[in-house]
Amino acid sequence: MYWRSIHIALLAWKAKANRKPLILRGARQVGKTILVNMFAREFDHYVYLNLELFEDKSIFKEECSLSETVQALALNKNHSFTMGTTLIFILMMLTSTPAIILCVKLSGTA
């Protein structure tokens, strides 16, 4: 029941033409990553970033630019992106990466 209502909300977010980054919050170990992994099936491409790993965290710089970040991500993951058909999931601990959280939030305001 809960999965269905959350999935409908995620599909509505995906259908928006000018959608902002989606920030999924919740307690530890409640299934957020599993939810995103299942939702990723709705996209042609899926990129998973775990900011606990240095390789993934190094993509983000102090100065945040969405276009530069996406270019760095494409080079780092050896992947080309088509806007609207690629889901980029960033797994992060809120306390450990405040600059990256700000970058993600600001990328939706442009």
C-alpha atoms as a PDB file:
ATOM      1  CA  MET A   1       0.000   0.000   0.000  1.00  0.00           C
ATOM      2  CA  TYR A   2       2.688   2.507   1.011  1.00  0.00           C
ATOM      3  CA  TRP A   3       4.900   1.505  -1.909  1.00  0.00           C
ATOM      4  CA  ARG A   4       2.060   2.187  -4.369  1.00  0.00           C
ATOM      5  CA  SER A   5       1.350   5.693  -3.055  1.00  0.00           C
ATOM      6  CA  ILE A   6       5.057   6.576  -2.980  1.00  0.00           C
ATOM      7  CA  HIS A   7       5.528   5.153  -6.480  1.00  0.00           C
ATOM      8  CA  ILE A   8       2.623   7.269  -7.785  1.00  0.00           C
ATOM      9  CA  ALA A   9       4.215  10.378  -6.230  1.00  0.00           C
ATOM     10  CA  LEU A  10       7.574   9.530  -7.825  1.00  0.00           C
ATOM     11  CA  LEU A  11       5.934   9.028 -11.231  1.00  0.00           C
ATOM     12  CA  ALA A  12       4.242  12.419 -10.873  1.00  0.00           C
ATOM     13  CA  TRP A  13       7.656  13.973 -10.120  1.00  0.00           C
ATOM     14  CA  LYS A  14       9.134  12.260 -13.180  1.00  0.00           C
ATOM     15  CA  ALA A  15       6.328  13.576 -15.409  1.00  0.00           C
ATOM     16  CA  LYS A  16       7.046  17.221 -14.569  1.00  0.00           C
ATOM     17  CA  ALA A  17       8.779  19.035 -17.432  1.00  0.00           C
ATOM     18  CA  ASN A  18      10.930  21.268 -15.211  1.00  0.00           C
ATOM     19  CA  ARG A  19      11.385  19.080 -12.183  1.00  0.00           C
ATOM     20  CA  LYS A  20      13.703  20.027  -9.371  1.00  0.00           C
ATOM     21  CA  PRO A  21      16.062  17.585  -7.677  1.00  0.00           C
ATOM     22  CA  LEU A  22      14.228  15.164  -5.461  1.00  0.00           C
ATOM     23  CA  ILE A  23      15.565  14.855  -1.938  1.00  0.00           C
ATOM     24  CA  LEU A  24      14.409  11.699  -0.230  1.00  0.00           C
ATOM     25  CA  ARG A  25      14.773  11.791   3.542  1.00  0.00           C
ATOM     26  CA  GLY A  26      14.011   9.246   6.185  1.00  0.00           C
ATOM     27  CA  ALA A  27      15.307   7.207   9.042  1.00  0.00           C
ATOM     28  CA  ARG A  28      18.103   4.728   8.490  1.00  0.00           C
ATOM     29  CA  GLN A  29      17.277   1.265   7.196  1.00  0.00           C
ATOM     30  CA  VAL A  30      13.682   1.956   6.102  1.00  0.00           C
ATOM     31  CA  GLY A  31      14.109   1.188   2.383  1.00  0.00           C
ATOM     32  CA  LYS A  32      14.940   4.529   0.720  1.00  0.00           C
ATOM     33  CA  THR A  33      17.684   3.063  -1.460  1.00  0.00           C
ATOM     34  CA  ILE A  34      15.567   0.051  -2.397  1.00  0.00           C
ATOM     35  CA  LEU A  35      12.749   2.414  -3.353  1.00  0.00           C
ATOM     36  CA  VAL A  36      15.055   4.431  -5.608  1.00  0.00           C
ATOM     37  CA  ASN A  37      16.564   1.294  -7.150  1.00  0.00           C
ATOM     38  CA  MET A  38      13.069   0.088  -8.044  1.00  0.00           C
ATOM     39  CA  PHE A  39      12.039   3.524  -9.339  1.00  0.00           C
ATOM     40  CA  ALA A  40      15.165   3.598 -11.529  1.00  0.00           C
ATOM     41  CA  ARG A  41      13.493   1.005 -13.765  1.00  0.00           C
ATOM     42  CA  GLU A  42      11.341   3.869 -15.066  1.00  0.00           C
ATOM     43  CA  PHE A  43      14.427   5.500 -16.636  1.00  0.00           C
ATOM     44  CA  ASP A  44      16.621   4.495 -19.560  1.00  0.00           C
ATOM     45  CA  HIS A  45      19.797   5.081 -17.540  1.00  0.00           C
ATOM     46  CA  TYR A  46      20.605   5.017 -13.839  1.00  0.00           C
ATOM     47  CA  VAL A  47      23.692   6.379 -12.093  1.00  0.00           C
ATOM     48  CA  TYR A  48      24.207   5.555  -8.423  1.00  0.00           C
ATOM     49  CA  LEU A  49      26.611   7.695  -6.404  1.00  0.00           C
ATOM     50  CA  ASN A  50      27.615   6.844  -2.857  1.00  0.00           C
ATOM     51  CA  LEU A  51      29.279   9.866  -1.282  1.00  0.00           C
ATOM     52  CA  GLU A  52      30.856   7.672   1.367  1.00  0.00           C
ATOM     53  CA  LEU A  53      33.200   6.592  -1.459  1.00  0.00           C
ATOM     54  CA  PHE A  54      36.036   9.000  -2.301  1.00  0.00           C
ATOM     55  CA  GLU A  55      35.696   8.320  -6.043  1.00  0.00           C
ATOM     56  CA  ASP A  56      32.057   9.466  -6.066  1.00  0.00           C
ATOM     57  CA  LYS A  57      32.572  12.338  -3.629  1.00  0.00           C
ATOM     58  CA  SER A  58      35.461  13.752  -5.681  1.00  0.00           C
ATOM     59  CA  ILE A  59      33.055  14.585  -8.535  1.00  0.00           C
ATOM     60  CA  PHE A  60      31.688  17.476  -6.505  1.00  0.00           C
ATOM     61  CA  LYS A  61      33.775  20.600  -6.043  1.00  0.00           C
ATOM     62  CA  GLU A  62      33.518  23.474  -3.583  1.00  0.00           C
ATOM     63  CA  GLU A  63      32.126  25.783  -6.269  1.00  0.00           C
ATOM     64  CA  CYS A  64      28.893  24.254  -7.481  1.00  0.00           C
ATOM     65  CA  SER A  65      27.944  24.314 -11.149  1.00  0.00           C
ATOM     66  CA  LEU A  66      25.362  21.822 -12.336  1.00  0.00           C
ATOM     67  CA  SER A  67      26.735  21.635 -15.873  1.00  0.00           C
ATOM     68  CA  GLU A  68      30.322  21.111 -14.646  1.00  0.00           C
ATOM     69  CA  THR A  69      29.174  18.495 -12.147  1.00  0.00           C
ATOM     70  CA  VAL A  70      27.272  16.557 -14.819  1.00  0.00           C
ATOM     71  CA  GLN A  71      30.309  16.726 -17.140  1.00  0.00           C
ATOM     72  CA  ALA A  72      32.577  15.448 -14.367  1.00  0.00           C
ATOM     73  CA  LEU A  73      30.082  12.711 -13.589  1.00  0.00           C
ATOM     74  CA  ALA A  74      29.956  11.649 -17.243  1.00  0.00           C
ATOM     75  CA  LEU A  75      33.756  11.443 -17.380  1.00  0.00           C
ATOM     76  CA  ASN A  76      34.086   9.695 -14.019  1.00  0.00           C
ATOM     77  CA  LYS A  77      31.416   7.088 -14.744  1.00  0.00           C
ATOM     78  CA  ASN A  78      32.240   6.824 -18.472  1.00  0.00           C
ATOM     79  CA  HIS A  79      28.617   7.515 -19.289  1.00  0.00           C
ATOM     80  CA  SER A  80      26.802  10.007 -21.483  1.00  0.00           C
ATOM     81  CA  PHE A  81      23.564  11.528 -20.233  1.00  0.00           C
ATOM     82  CA  THR A  82      20.353  12.404 -21.950  1.00  0.00           C
ATOM     83  CA  MET A  83      18.432  14.855 -19.819  1.00  0.00           C
ATOM     84  CA  GLY A  84      15.115  13.419 -18.756  1.00  0.00           C
ATOM     85  CA  THR A  85      16.056   9.782 -19.361  1.00  0.00           C
ATOM     86  CA  THR A  86      18.773   9.382 -16.727  1.00  0.00           C
ATOM     87  CA  LEU A  87      18.149   9.079 -13.001  1.00  0.00           C
ATOM     88  CA  ILE A  88      21.111  10.183 -10.901  1.00  0.00           C
ATOM     89  CA  PHE A  89      20.824   8.947  -7.322  1.00  0.00           C
ATOM     90  CA  ILE A  90      23.164  10.431  -4.740  1.00  0.00           C
ATOM     91  CA  LEU A  91      23.401   8.548  -1.455  1.00  0.00           C
ATOM     92  CA  MET A  92      24.757  10.817   1.250  1.00  0.00           C
ATOM     93  CA  MET A  93      24.739  11.357   4.959  1.00  0.00           C
ATOM     94  CA  LEU A  94      23.224  14.764   5.622  1.00  0.00           C
ATOM     95  CA  THR A  95      25.792  15.692   8.235  1.00  0.00           C
ATOM     96  CA  SER A  96      28.879  14.774   6.246  1.00  0.00           C
ATOM     97  CA  THR A  97      28.353  16.687   3.003  1.00  0.00           C
ATOM     98  CA  PRO A  98      26.590  20.047   3.549  1.00  0.00           C
ATOM     99  CA  ALA A  99      28.263  21.709   0.522  1.00  0.00           C
ATOM    100  CA  ILE A 100      27.036  18.951  -1.778  1.00  0.00           C
ATOM    101  CA  ILE A 101      23.513  19.152  -0.357  1.00  0.00           C
ATOM    102  CA  LEU A 102      23.520  22.882  -1.052  1.00  0.00           C
ATOM    103  CA  CYS A 103      24.762  22.231  -4.603  1.00  0.00           C
ATOM    104  CA  VAL A 104      21.930  19.763  -5.270  1.00  0.00           C
ATOM    105  CA  LYS A 105      19.325  22.122  -3.817  1.00  0.00           C
ATOM    106  CA  LEU A 106      20.631  25.100  -5.805  1.00  0.00           C
ATOM    107  CA  SER A 107      20.706  23.135  -9.052  1.00  0.00           C
ATOM    108  CA  GLY A 108      16.916  23.058  -8.984  1.00  0.00           C
ATOM    109  CA  THR A 109      16.551  26.833  -8.728  1.00  0.00           C
ATOM    110  CA  ALA A 110      18.150  27.758 -12.048  1.00  0.00           C
END
